[in-house]
Amino acid sequence: MSEPVRRKTRTVGPSREPWTPYIPSKSEAFAVKAVVSGKADEEQQKVFMAFFNRLSGVGDLEFRPESERASAFASGKRFVGMQLHRIANLSSEYIKTLDP
């Protein structure tokens, strides 16, 4: 299988086609691997979260004026990111009340 073609520049703001795969930098790719394997240090965790936020479009407006389908897809990506942030912001007291 061939390696994906790297874009020469990264776009600023939301992609018109939110299903287009985001090509990570070397540090982002290593950070993802470290988090998934449970071996990420503090810096890799920060790189991972910044990458995840860009990947999921948490900070973007999901509306795409060109396409209702693209808007729906972007909204789904953003929903996943928002769920991670919602859980990360739960209070410790509330988490203790959850089922094991």
C-alpha atoms as a PDB file:
ATOM      1  CA  MET A   1       0.000   0.000   0.000  1.00  0.00           C
ATOM      2  CA  SER A   2       1.430   3.379  -0.955  1.00  0.00           C
ATOM      3  CA  GLU A   3       1.870   6.286   1.432  1.00  0.00           C
ATOM      4  CA  PRO A   4      -0.712   9.105   1.224  1.00  0.00           C
ATOM      5  CA  VAL A   5       0.323  12.191  -0.677  1.00  0.00           C
ATOM      6  CA  ARG A   6       1.142  15.038   1.715  1.00  0.00           C
ATOM      7  CA  ARG A   7      -0.391  18.415   1.073  1.00  0.00           C
ATOM      8  CA  LYS A   8       2.157  21.167   0.696  1.00  0.00           C
ATOM      9  CA  THR A   9       0.096  23.564   2.813  1.00  0.00           C
ATOM     10  CA  ARG A  10      -2.640  23.156   5.342  1.00  0.00           C
ATOM     11  CA  THR A  11      -5.860  25.026   4.964  1.00  0.00           C
ATOM     12  CA  VAL A  12      -7.044  27.372   7.648  1.00  0.00           C
ATOM     13  CA  GLY A  13     -10.604  26.871   8.751  1.00  0.00           C
ATOM     14  CA  PRO A  14     -13.068  24.120   7.995  1.00  0.00           C
ATOM     15  CA  SER A  15     -12.629  21.974   4.902  1.00  0.00           C
ATOM     16  CA  ARG A  16     -15.267  22.201   2.179  1.00  0.00           C
ATOM     17  CA  GLU A  17     -15.273  18.404   2.091  1.00  0.00           C
ATOM     18  CA  PRO A  18     -15.101  17.270   5.730  1.00  0.00           C
ATOM     19  CA  TRP A  19     -14.623  13.627   4.731  1.00  0.00           C
ATOM     20  CA  THR A  20     -11.222  14.408   3.208  1.00  0.00           C
ATOM     21  CA  PRO A  21      -8.626  12.689   5.422  1.00  0.00           C
ATOM     22  CA  TYR A  22      -6.389  15.006   7.402  1.00  0.00           C
ATOM     23  CA  ILE A  23      -2.741  14.087   6.909  1.00  0.00           C
ATOM     24  CA  PRO A  24      -0.956  14.328  10.262  1.00  0.00           C
ATOM     25  CA  SER A  25       2.496  15.702  10.871  1.00  0.00           C
ATOM     26  CA  LYS A  26       5.175  13.344  12.135  1.00  0.00           C
ATOM     27  CA  SER A  27       4.703  14.537  15.736  1.00  0.00           C
ATOM     28  CA  GLU A  28       0.914  14.133  15.482  1.00  0.00           C
ATOM     29  CA  ALA A  29       1.234  10.601  14.121  1.00  0.00           C
ATOM     30  CA  PHE A  30       3.659   9.596  16.884  1.00  0.00           C
ATOM     31  CA  ALA A  31       1.399  11.209  19.497  1.00  0.00           C
ATOM     32  CA  VAL A  32      -1.621   9.221  18.279  1.00  0.00           C
ATOM     33  CA  LYS A  33       0.382   5.983  18.371  1.00  0.00           C
ATOM     34  CA  ALA A  34       1.603   6.758  21.902  1.00  0.00           C
ATOM     35  CA  VAL A  35      -1.887   7.569  23.214  1.00  0.00           C
ATOM     36  CA  VAL A  36      -3.416   4.453  21.635  1.00  0.00           C
ATOM     37  CA  SER A  37      -0.687   2.234  23.116  1.00  0.00           C
ATOM     38  CA  GLY A  38      -1.037   3.866  26.554  1.00  0.00           C
ATOM     39  CA  LYS A  39       2.523   5.205  26.558  1.00  0.00           C
ATOM     40  CA  ALA A  40       2.063   8.910  25.799  1.00  0.00           C
ATOM     41  CA  ASP A  41       4.013  11.428  27.834  1.00  0.00           C
ATOM     42  CA  GLU A  42       2.509  14.791  28.790  1.00  0.00           C
ATOM     43  CA  GLU A  43       3.669  16.568  25.606  1.00  0.00           C
ATOM     44  CA  GLN A  44       2.332  13.790  23.367  1.00  0.00           C
ATOM     45  CA  GLN A  45      -1.022  13.990  25.151  1.00  0.00           C
ATOM     46  CA  LYS A  46      -1.191  17.731  24.411  1.00  0.00           C
ATOM     47  CA  VAL A  47      -0.230  17.181  20.765  1.00  0.00           C
ATOM     48  CA  PHE A  48      -2.879  14.456  20.523  1.00  0.00           C
ATOM     49  CA  MET A  49      -5.645  16.674  21.899  1.00  0.00           C
ATOM     50  CA  ALA A  50      -4.751  19.546  19.563  1.00  0.00           C
ATOM     51  CA  PHE A  51      -4.727  17.081  16.656  1.00  0.00           C
ATOM     52  CA  PHE A  52      -8.044  15.541  17.754  1.00  0.00           C
ATOM     53  CA  ASN A  53      -9.630  18.989  17.980  1.00  0.00           C
ATOM     54  CA  ARG A  54      -8.558  19.791  14.408  1.00  0.00           C
ATOM     55  CA  LEU A  55      -9.536  16.339  13.164  1.00  0.00           C
ATOM     56  CA  SER A  56     -13.019  16.451  14.686  1.00  0.00           C
ATOM     57  CA  GLY A  57     -13.681  20.094  13.876  1.00  0.00           C
ATOM     58  CA  VAL A  58     -14.628  20.937  17.463  1.00  0.00           C
ATOM     59  CA  GLY A  59     -13.746  24.591  16.949  1.00  0.00           C
ATOM     60  CA  ASP A  60     -15.301  24.849  13.486  1.00  0.00           C
ATOM     61  CA  LEU A  61     -18.766  25.790  12.346  1.00  0.00           C
ATOM     62  CA  GLU A  62     -20.223  22.631  10.838  1.00  0.00           C
ATOM     63  CA  PHE A  63     -22.353  24.480   8.262  1.00  0.00           C
ATOM     64  CA  ARG A  64     -21.087  24.148   4.674  1.00  0.00           C
ATOM     65  CA  PRO A  65     -23.076  26.444   2.352  1.00  0.00           C
ATOM     66  CA  GLU A  66     -22.278  24.356  -0.739  1.00  0.00           C
ATOM     67  CA  SER A  67     -23.758  21.096   0.518  1.00  0.00           C
ATOM     68  CA  GLU A  68     -26.257  19.889   3.087  1.00  0.00           C
ATOM     69  CA  ARG A  69     -24.484  16.512   3.029  1.00  0.00           C
ATOM     70  CA  ALA A  70     -21.136  18.104   3.846  1.00  0.00           C
ATOM     71  CA  SER A  71     -22.789  20.033   6.690  1.00  0.00           C
ATOM     72  CA  ALA A  72     -24.269  16.821   8.111  1.00  0.00           C
ATOM     73  CA  PHE A  73     -20.936  15.004   7.860  1.00  0.00           C
ATOM     74  CA  ALA A  74     -19.083  17.872   9.555  1.00  0.00           C
ATOM     75  CA  SER A  75     -21.743  17.959  12.273  1.00  0.00           C
ATOM     76  CA  GLY A  76     -21.187  14.254  12.988  1.00  0.00           C
ATOM     77  CA  LYS A  77     -17.423  14.739  13.266  1.00  0.00           C
ATOM     78  CA  ARG A  78     -17.914  17.690  15.591  1.00  0.00           C
ATOM     79  CA  PHE A  79     -20.363  15.694  17.736  1.00  0.00           C
ATOM     80  CA  VAL A  80     -17.682  13.072  18.433  1.00  0.00           C
ATOM     81  CA  GLY A  81     -15.230  15.770  19.503  1.00  0.00           C
ATOM     82  CA  MET A  82     -17.811  17.466  21.704  1.00  0.00           C
ATOM     83  CA  GLN A  83     -18.540  14.167  23.486  1.00  0.00           C
ATOM     84  CA  LEU A  84     -14.865  13.740  24.386  1.00  0.00           C
ATOM     85  CA  HIS A  85     -14.734  17.296  25.736  1.00  0.00           C
ATOM     86  CA  ARG A  86     -18.000  16.800  27.662  1.00  0.00           C
ATOM     87  CA  ILE A  87     -16.602  13.714  29.400  1.00  0.00           C
ATOM     88  CA  ALA A  88     -13.235  15.393  30.064  1.00  0.00           C
ATOM     89  CA  ASN A  89     -15.047  18.243  31.828  1.00  0.00           C
ATOM     90  CA  LEU A  90     -17.171  16.091  34.156  1.00  0.00           C
ATOM     91  CA  SER A  91     -16.548  16.730  37.816  1.00  0.00           C
ATOM     92  CA  SER A  92     -14.806  14.050  39.862  1.00  0.00           C
ATOM     93  CA  GLU A  93     -17.795  13.991  42.200  1.00  0.00           C
ATOM     94  CA  TYR A  94     -20.138  13.163  39.323  1.00  0.00           C
ATOM     95  CA  ILE A  95     -17.803  10.513  37.881  1.00  0.00           C
ATOM     96  CA  LYS A  96     -17.782   8.720  41.255  1.00  0.00           C
ATOM     97  CA  THR A  97     -21.578   8.276  40.975  1.00  0.00           C
ATOM     98  CA  LEU A  98     -21.337   6.446  37.633  1.00  0.00           C
ATOM     99  CA  ASP A  99     -21.579   2.667  37.327  1.00  0.00           C
ATOM    100  CA  PRO A 100     -18.209   0.875  37.335  1.00  0.00           C
END
